[in-house]
Amino acid sequence: MKDVFYFSKQPIELLSIKQNLQDYYNDILLNEDQDALQIKINKEEMIQIVSLNVTTEFGDPEDCDVIEATGVKSCICISHHSFSIDCVKDILKIILKNYGGWVGNDSDYFEPRFVLDDIDSFRYSD
């Protein structure tokens, strides 16, 4: 599984994300106990979105520096198989369009980073 992180300067609830995605995806389960959304794309593909606490989930100094410098208030982790990346990009477009923010890789400084204007060029860090 691969992870991609979405960051926003505003607090965002998974229920709100679910409501924005329901127009595009029929099979979405919100598990409030785990603070997670599960999106079933088809029989083989499932994408999980988990809400992370930006003050406790990241311990690397580089991560903390980026979070502080960018004023991040919310973070979600999108876990997926690499063959699902096109669906992930579509989900990220909806999220970025509704909430702004930026997308980062599971790497030092979350680089490379992407916004709505360039999310189609998303690539994993090397």
N, C-alpha and C. Protein backbone atom coordinates (compact mmCIF):
# COMPACT_ATOMS: atom_id res chain seq x y z
N MET A 1 0.85 -1.19 0.00
CA MET A 1 0.00 0.00 0.00
C MET A 1 0.89 1.24 0.00
N LYS A 2 0.41 2.26 -0.68
CA LYS A 2 1.07 3.57 -0.73
C LYS A 2 0.26 4.55 0.11
N ASP A 3 0.94 5.56 0.62
CA ASP A 3 0.28 6.63 1.36
C ASP A 3 0.57 7.97 0.71
N VAL A 4 -0.46 8.79 0.67
CA VAL A 4 -0.35 10.18 0.22
C VAL A 4 -1.02 11.02 1.30
N PHE A 5 -0.46 12.17 1.60
CA PHE A 5 -1.01 13.03 2.64
C PHE A 5 -1.63 14.28 2.03
N TYR A 6 -2.80 14.63 2.54
CA TYR A 6 -3.47 15.88 2.18
C TYR A 6 -3.44 16.78 3.41
N PHE A 7 -3.05 18.05 3.20
CA PHE A 7 -2.95 19.02 4.30
C PHE A 7 -3.80 20.25 4.02
N SER A 8 -4.41 20.79 5.09
CA SER A 8 -5.24 21.98 4.96
C SER A 8 -4.98 22.92 6.13
N LYS A 9 -5.16 24.21 5.88
CA LYS A 9 -5.03 25.20 6.94
C LYS A 9 -6.31 25.32 7.76
N GLN A 10 -7.35 24.61 7.36
CA GLN A 10 -8.61 24.65 8.10
C GLN A 10 -8.94 23.26 8.64
N PRO A 11 -9.63 23.20 9.76
CA PRO A 11 -10.07 21.90 10.27
C PRO A 11 -11.07 21.28 9.31
N ILE A 12 -10.91 19.99 9.02
CA ILE A 12 -11.80 19.29 8.09
C ILE A 12 -12.23 17.97 8.72
N GLU A 13 -13.51 17.72 8.71
CA GLU A 13 -14.07 16.48 9.26
C GLU A 13 -14.26 15.47 8.13
N LEU A 14 -14.06 14.19 8.45
CA LEU A 14 -14.26 13.14 7.46
C LEU A 14 -15.70 13.09 6.96
N LEU A 15 -16.66 13.43 7.81
CA LEU A 15 -18.06 13.44 7.38
C LEU A 15 -18.25 14.43 6.23
N SER A 16 -17.61 15.58 6.32
CA SER A 16 -17.69 16.57 5.26
C SER A 16 -17.06 16.05 3.96
N ILE A 17 -15.92 15.39 4.08
CA ILE A 17 -15.27 14.79 2.90
C ILE A 17 -16.19 13.73 2.30
N LYS A 18 -16.78 12.90 3.14
CA LYS A 18 -17.70 11.87 2.66
C LYS A 18 -18.84 12.50 1.87
N GLN A 19 -19.43 13.57 2.40
CA GLN A 19 -20.54 14.22 1.73
C GLN A 19 -20.12 14.77 0.36
N ASN A 20 -18.90 15.28 0.25
CA ASN A 20 -18.42 15.79 -1.03
C ASN A 20 -18.12 14.67 -2.03
N LEU A 21 -17.74 13.51 -1.55
CA LEU A 21 -17.40 12.39 -2.43
C LEU A 21 -18.62 11.56 -2.84
N GLN A 22 -19.74 11.67 -2.10
CA GLN A 22 -20.90 10.83 -2.37
C GLN A 22 -21.50 11.04 -3.76
N ASP A 23 -21.31 12.19 -4.33
CA ASP A 23 -21.81 12.43 -5.69
C ASP A 23 -21.04 11.63 -6.73
N TYR A 24 -19.87 11.15 -6.37
CA TYR A 24 -18.98 10.47 -7.32
C TYR A 24 -18.77 8.99 -7.00
N TYR A 25 -18.92 8.62 -5.74
CA TYR A 25 -18.67 7.24 -5.30
C TYR A 25 -19.86 6.75 -4.48
N ASN A 26 -20.36 5.58 -4.82
CA ASN A 26 -21.56 5.05 -4.17
C ASN A 26 -21.28 4.29 -2.89
N ASP A 27 -20.13 3.65 -2.82
CA ASP A 27 -19.83 2.75 -1.71
C ASP A 27 -18.78 3.37 -0.78
N ILE A 28 -19.25 4.22 0.14
CA ILE A 28 -18.36 4.90 1.08
C ILE A 28 -18.83 4.57 2.49
N LEU A 29 -17.91 4.09 3.31
CA LEU A 29 -18.22 3.77 4.70
C LEU A 29 -17.41 4.68 5.60
N LEU A 30 -18.11 5.37 6.50
CA LEU A 30 -17.44 6.19 7.51
C LEU A 30 -17.39 5.40 8.80
N ASN A 31 -16.19 5.10 9.27
CA ASN A 31 -15.99 4.41 10.53
C ASN A 31 -15.52 5.46 11.54
N GLU A 32 -16.45 5.98 12.30
CA GLU A 32 -16.13 7.08 13.22
C GLU A 32 -15.21 6.64 14.34
N ASP A 33 -15.29 5.36 14.75
CA ASP A 33 -14.42 4.87 15.82
C ASP A 33 -12.95 4.92 15.41
N GLN A 34 -12.68 4.68 14.13
CA GLN A 34 -11.30 4.69 13.64
C GLN A 34 -10.95 5.98 12.92
N ASP A 35 -11.88 6.93 12.85
CA ASP A 35 -11.68 8.17 12.13
C ASP A 35 -11.21 7.88 10.70
N ALA A 36 -11.96 7.00 10.01
CA ALA A 36 -11.56 6.55 8.69
C ALA A 36 -12.74 6.45 7.74
N LEU A 37 -12.46 6.72 6.47
CA LEU A 37 -13.41 6.50 5.38
C LEU A 37 -12.87 5.36 4.53
N GLN A 38 -13.73 4.47 4.12
CA GLN A 38 -13.34 3.44 3.17
C GLN A 38 -14.18 3.63 1.92
N ILE A 39 -13.50 3.76 0.79
CA ILE A 39 -14.16 3.97 -0.49
C ILE A 39 -13.90 2.74 -1.34
N LYS A 40 -14.97 2.03 -1.64
CA LYS A 40 -14.83 0.84 -2.50
C LYS A 40 -15.05 1.29 -3.94
N ILE A 41 -14.00 1.16 -4.74
CA ILE A 41 -14.06 1.58 -6.13
C ILE A 41 -14.67 0.48 -6.98
N ASN A 42 -14.22 -0.74 -6.80
CA ASN A 42 -14.75 -1.92 -7.46
C ASN A 42 -14.33 -3.14 -6.63
N LYS A 43 -14.49 -4.33 -7.17
CA LYS A 43 -14.17 -5.55 -6.39
C LYS A 43 -12.71 -5.60 -5.94
N GLU A 44 -11.81 -5.05 -6.76
CA GLU A 44 -10.38 -5.13 -6.46
C GLU A 44 -9.82 -3.90 -5.77
N GLU A 45 -10.51 -2.78 -5.88
CA GLU A 45 -9.94 -1.51 -5.42
C GLU A 45 -10.70 -0.93 -4.23
N MET A 46 -9.94 -0.63 -3.18
CA MET A 46 -10.47 0.09 -2.04
C MET A 46 -9.45 1.13 -1.62
N ILE A 47 -9.94 2.30 -1.30
CA ILE A 47 -9.08 3.39 -0.86
C ILE A 47 -9.52 3.76 0.55
N GLN A 48 -8.56 3.94 1.43
CA GLN A 48 -8.88 4.32 2.80
C GLN A 48 -8.35 5.71 3.10
N ILE A 49 -9.19 6.52 3.72
CA ILE A 49 -8.81 7.87 4.12
C ILE A 49 -8.90 7.94 5.64
N VAL A 50 -7.80 8.30 6.27
CA VAL A 50 -7.73 8.36 7.73
C VAL A 50 -7.36 9.78 8.16
N SER A 51 -8.08 10.29 9.12
CA SER A 51 -7.77 11.60 9.69
C SER A 51 -6.62 11.46 10.67
N LEU A 52 -5.63 12.34 10.54
CA LEU A 52 -4.46 12.31 11.43
C LEU A 52 -4.41 13.59 12.26
N ASN A 53 -3.95 13.47 13.47
CA ASN A 53 -3.75 14.62 14.35
C ASN A 53 -2.38 15.21 14.03
N VAL A 54 -2.34 16.43 13.52
CA VAL A 54 -1.07 17.02 13.09
C VAL A 54 -0.12 17.31 14.25
N THR A 55 -0.63 17.38 15.46
CA THR A 55 0.26 17.67 16.59
C THR A 55 0.84 16.42 17.23
N THR A 56 0.26 15.24 16.95
CA THR A 56 0.77 14.03 17.59
C THR A 56 1.22 12.94 16.63
N GLU A 57 0.77 12.96 15.39
CA GLU A 57 1.04 11.86 14.47
C GLU A 57 2.43 11.95 13.80
N PHE A 58 3.00 13.13 13.75
CA PHE A 58 4.26 13.31 13.04
C PHE A 58 5.36 13.64 14.03
N GLY A 59 6.42 12.83 14.03
CA GLY A 59 7.49 13.03 14.99
C GLY A 59 8.81 13.46 14.37
N ASP A 60 8.96 13.25 13.06
CA ASP A 60 10.23 13.65 12.42
C ASP A 60 10.34 15.16 12.43
N PRO A 61 11.51 15.69 12.78
CA PRO A 61 11.68 17.14 12.81
C PRO A 61 11.35 17.82 11.48
N GLU A 62 11.70 17.17 10.36
CA GLU A 62 11.40 17.75 9.04
C GLU A 62 9.89 17.90 8.85
N ASP A 63 9.15 16.86 9.26
CA ASP A 63 7.69 16.90 9.13
C ASP A 63 7.11 18.02 9.99
N CYS A 64 7.56 18.10 11.23
CA CYS A 64 7.05 19.11 12.16
C CYS A 64 7.36 20.52 11.65
N ASP A 65 8.54 20.70 11.07
CA ASP A 65 8.91 22.02 10.52
C ASP A 65 7.97 22.43 9.40
N VAL A 66 7.66 21.50 8.51
CA VAL A 66 6.76 21.81 7.39
C VAL A 66 5.37 22.12 7.90
N ILE A 67 4.87 21.32 8.82
CA ILE A 67 3.53 21.53 9.37
C ILE A 67 3.44 22.91 10.03
N GLU A 68 4.45 23.26 10.81
CA GLU A 68 4.45 24.57 11.47
C GLU A 68 4.57 25.71 10.47
N ALA A 69 5.47 25.58 9.51
CA ALA A 69 5.71 26.65 8.54
C ALA A 69 4.52 26.90 7.62
N THR A 70 3.74 25.87 7.35
CA THR A 70 2.61 26.02 6.43
C THR A 70 1.28 26.27 7.14
N GLY A 71 1.27 26.26 8.45
CA GLY A 71 0.06 26.55 9.20
C GLY A 71 -1.02 25.48 9.08
N VAL A 72 -0.61 24.24 8.92
CA VAL A 72 -1.55 23.13 8.74
C VAL A 72 -2.38 22.90 10.01
N LYS A 73 -3.69 22.72 9.81
CA LYS A 73 -4.61 22.39 10.91
C LYS A 73 -5.20 21.00 10.76
N SER A 74 -5.23 20.48 9.52
CA SER A 74 -5.81 19.16 9.25
C SER A 74 -4.91 18.37 8.33
N CYS A 75 -4.92 17.06 8.55
CA CYS A 75 -4.18 16.16 7.66
C CYS A 75 -4.99 14.87 7.52
N ILE A 76 -5.05 14.38 6.30
CA ILE A 76 -5.60 13.05 6.09
C ILE A 76 -4.57 12.24 5.31
N CYS A 77 -4.56 10.97 5.60
CA CYS A 77 -3.69 10.03 4.90
C CYS A 77 -4.57 9.19 3.99
N ILE A 78 -4.21 9.12 2.72
CA ILE A 78 -4.95 8.31 1.76
C ILE A 78 -4.09 7.10 1.43
N SER A 79 -4.55 5.93 1.88
CA SER A 79 -3.84 4.67 1.64
C SER A 79 -4.48 3.97 0.45
N HIS A 80 -3.63 3.48 -0.45
CA HIS A 80 -4.14 2.91 -1.69
C HIS A 80 -3.08 2.00 -2.32
N HIS A 81 -3.52 1.19 -3.27
CA HIS A 81 -2.58 0.42 -4.08
C HIS A 81 -2.11 1.31 -5.22
N SER A 82 -0.90 1.10 -5.68
CA SER A 82 -0.36 1.97 -6.74
C SER A 82 -1.22 1.94 -8.00
N PHE A 83 -1.92 0.82 -8.27
CA PHE A 83 -2.76 0.76 -9.47
C PHE A 83 -4.02 1.61 -9.32
N SER A 84 -4.27 2.15 -8.13
CA SER A 84 -5.44 3.00 -7.89
C SER A 84 -5.12 4.49 -7.96
N ILE A 85 -3.93 4.84 -8.40
CA ILE A 85 -3.51 6.25 -8.34
C ILE A 85 -4.42 7.19 -9.12
N ASP A 86 -4.99 6.75 -10.23
CA ASP A 86 -5.89 7.63 -10.98
C ASP A 86 -7.14 7.96 -10.16
N CYS A 87 -7.68 6.98 -9.44
CA CYS A 87 -8.82 7.23 -8.55
C CYS A 87 -8.42 8.16 -7.41
N VAL A 88 -7.23 7.95 -6.88
CA VAL A 88 -6.74 8.82 -5.81
C VAL A 88 -6.63 10.26 -6.30
N LYS A 89 -6.13 10.45 -7.50
CA LYS A 89 -6.03 11.81 -8.05
C LYS A 89 -7.42 12.43 -8.19
N ASP A 90 -8.39 11.65 -8.65
CA ASP A 90 -9.76 12.17 -8.77
C ASP A 90 -10.31 12.58 -7.41
N ILE A 91 -10.08 11.76 -6.39
CA ILE A 91 -10.53 12.08 -5.04
C ILE A 91 -9.83 13.35 -4.53
N LEU A 92 -8.53 13.43 -4.78
CA LEU A 92 -7.77 14.61 -4.35
C LEU A 92 -8.24 15.88 -5.05
N LYS A 93 -8.62 15.78 -6.31
CA LYS A 93 -9.15 16.96 -7.03
C LYS A 93 -10.41 17.48 -6.33
N ILE A 94 -11.28 16.56 -5.94
CA ILE A 94 -12.52 16.96 -5.26
C ILE A 94 -12.19 17.61 -3.92
N ILE A 95 -11.30 17.01 -3.18
CA ILE A 95 -10.92 17.55 -1.87
C ILE A 95 -10.23 18.91 -2.03
N LEU A 96 -9.27 19.01 -2.93
CA LEU A 96 -8.55 20.27 -3.14
C LEU A 96 -9.50 21.37 -3.63
N LYS A 97 -10.43 21.02 -4.49
CA LYS A 97 -11.38 22.01 -5.00
C LYS A 97 -12.26 22.55 -3.88
N ASN A 98 -12.65 21.69 -2.96
CA ASN A 98 -13.56 22.10 -1.88
C ASN A 98 -12.87 22.74 -0.70
N TYR A 99 -11.63 22.36 -0.43
CA TYR A 99 -10.97 22.82 0.80
C TYR A 99 -9.64 23.54 0.59
N GLY A 100 -9.13 23.57 -0.64
CA GLY A 100 -7.81 24.14 -0.85
C GLY A 100 -6.75 23.21 -0.30
N GLY A 101 -5.63 23.77 0.10
CA GLY A 101 -4.57 22.97 0.71
C GLY A 101 -3.60 22.39 -0.31
N TRP A 102 -2.88 21.37 0.13
CA TRP A 102 -1.85 20.76 -0.72
C TRP A 102 -1.69 19.28 -0.39
N VAL A 103 -1.05 18.57 -1.30
CA VAL A 103 -0.84 17.13 -1.18
C VAL A 103 0.65 16.87 -1.15
N GLY A 104 1.06 15.98 -0.24
CA GLY A 104 2.48 15.64 -0.14
C GLY A 104 2.70 14.15 -0.08
N ASN A 105 3.90 13.78 -0.39
CA ASN A 105 4.32 12.38 -0.37
C ASN A 105 4.71 11.95 1.04
N ASP A 106 4.82 10.65 1.22
CA ASP A 106 5.31 10.06 2.47
C ASP A 106 6.83 10.06 2.39
N SER A 107 7.41 11.26 2.53
CA SER A 107 8.86 11.44 2.38
C SER A 107 9.30 12.65 3.20
N ASP A 108 10.61 12.88 3.26
CA ASP A 108 11.11 14.06 3.96
C ASP A 108 10.48 15.32 3.39
N TYR A 109 10.00 16.17 4.27
CA TYR A 109 9.38 17.44 3.90
C TYR A 109 8.13 17.26 3.03
N PHE A 110 7.61 16.02 2.94
CA PHE A 110 6.43 15.69 2.14
C PHE A 110 6.60 16.05 0.66
N GLU A 111 7.83 15.99 0.19
CA GLU A 111 8.10 16.39 -1.20
C GLU A 111 8.12 15.19 -2.13
N PRO A 112 7.76 15.40 -3.39
CA PRO A 112 7.23 16.65 -3.95
C PRO A 112 5.80 16.91 -3.48
N ARG A 113 5.41 18.17 -3.54
CA ARG A 113 4.09 18.61 -3.10
C ARG A 113 3.29 19.08 -4.31
N PHE A 114 1.96 18.98 -4.17
CA PHE A 114 1.08 19.32 -5.28
C PHE A 114 -0.15 20.07 -4.77
N VAL A 115 -0.70 20.93 -5.63
CA VAL A 115 -1.95 21.65 -5.36
C VAL A 115 -2.93 21.31 -6.48
N LEU A 116 -4.12 21.91 -6.44
CA LEU A 116 -5.14 21.59 -7.43
C LEU A 116 -4.64 21.79 -8.86
N ASP A 117 -3.92 22.87 -9.10
CA ASP A 117 -3.47 23.18 -10.46
C ASP A 117 -2.51 22.15 -11.05
N ASP A 118 -1.80 21.40 -10.21
CA ASP A 118 -0.83 20.44 -10.76
C ASP A 118 -1.01 19.01 -10.24
N ILE A 119 -2.17 18.71 -9.63
CA ILE A 119 -2.36 17.37 -9.06
C ILE A 119 -2.35 16.29 -10.14
N ASP A 120 -2.70 16.61 -11.36
CA ASP A 120 -2.64 15.61 -12.45
C ASP A 120 -1.23 15.12 -12.69
N SER A 121 -0.26 15.92 -12.32
CA SER A 121 1.15 15.51 -12.51
C SER A 121 1.70 14.79 -11.28
N PHE A 122 0.84 14.43 -10.35
CA PHE A 122 1.29 13.76 -9.13
C PHE A 122 2.21 12.59 -9.46
N ARG A 123 3.26 12.49 -8.67
CA ARG A 123 4.16 11.35 -8.76
C ARG A 123 4.65 11.05 -7.35
N TYR A 124 5.01 9.80 -7.13
CA TYR A 124 5.56 9.41 -5.84
C TYR A 124 6.99 9.91 -5.73
N SER A 125 7.43 10.17 -4.50
CA SER A 125 8.84 10.54 -4.32
C SER A 125 9.70 9.34 -4.65
N ASP A 126 10.92 9.62 -5.07
CA ASP A 126 11.86 8.53 -5.45
C ASP A 126 12.41 7.82 -4.25
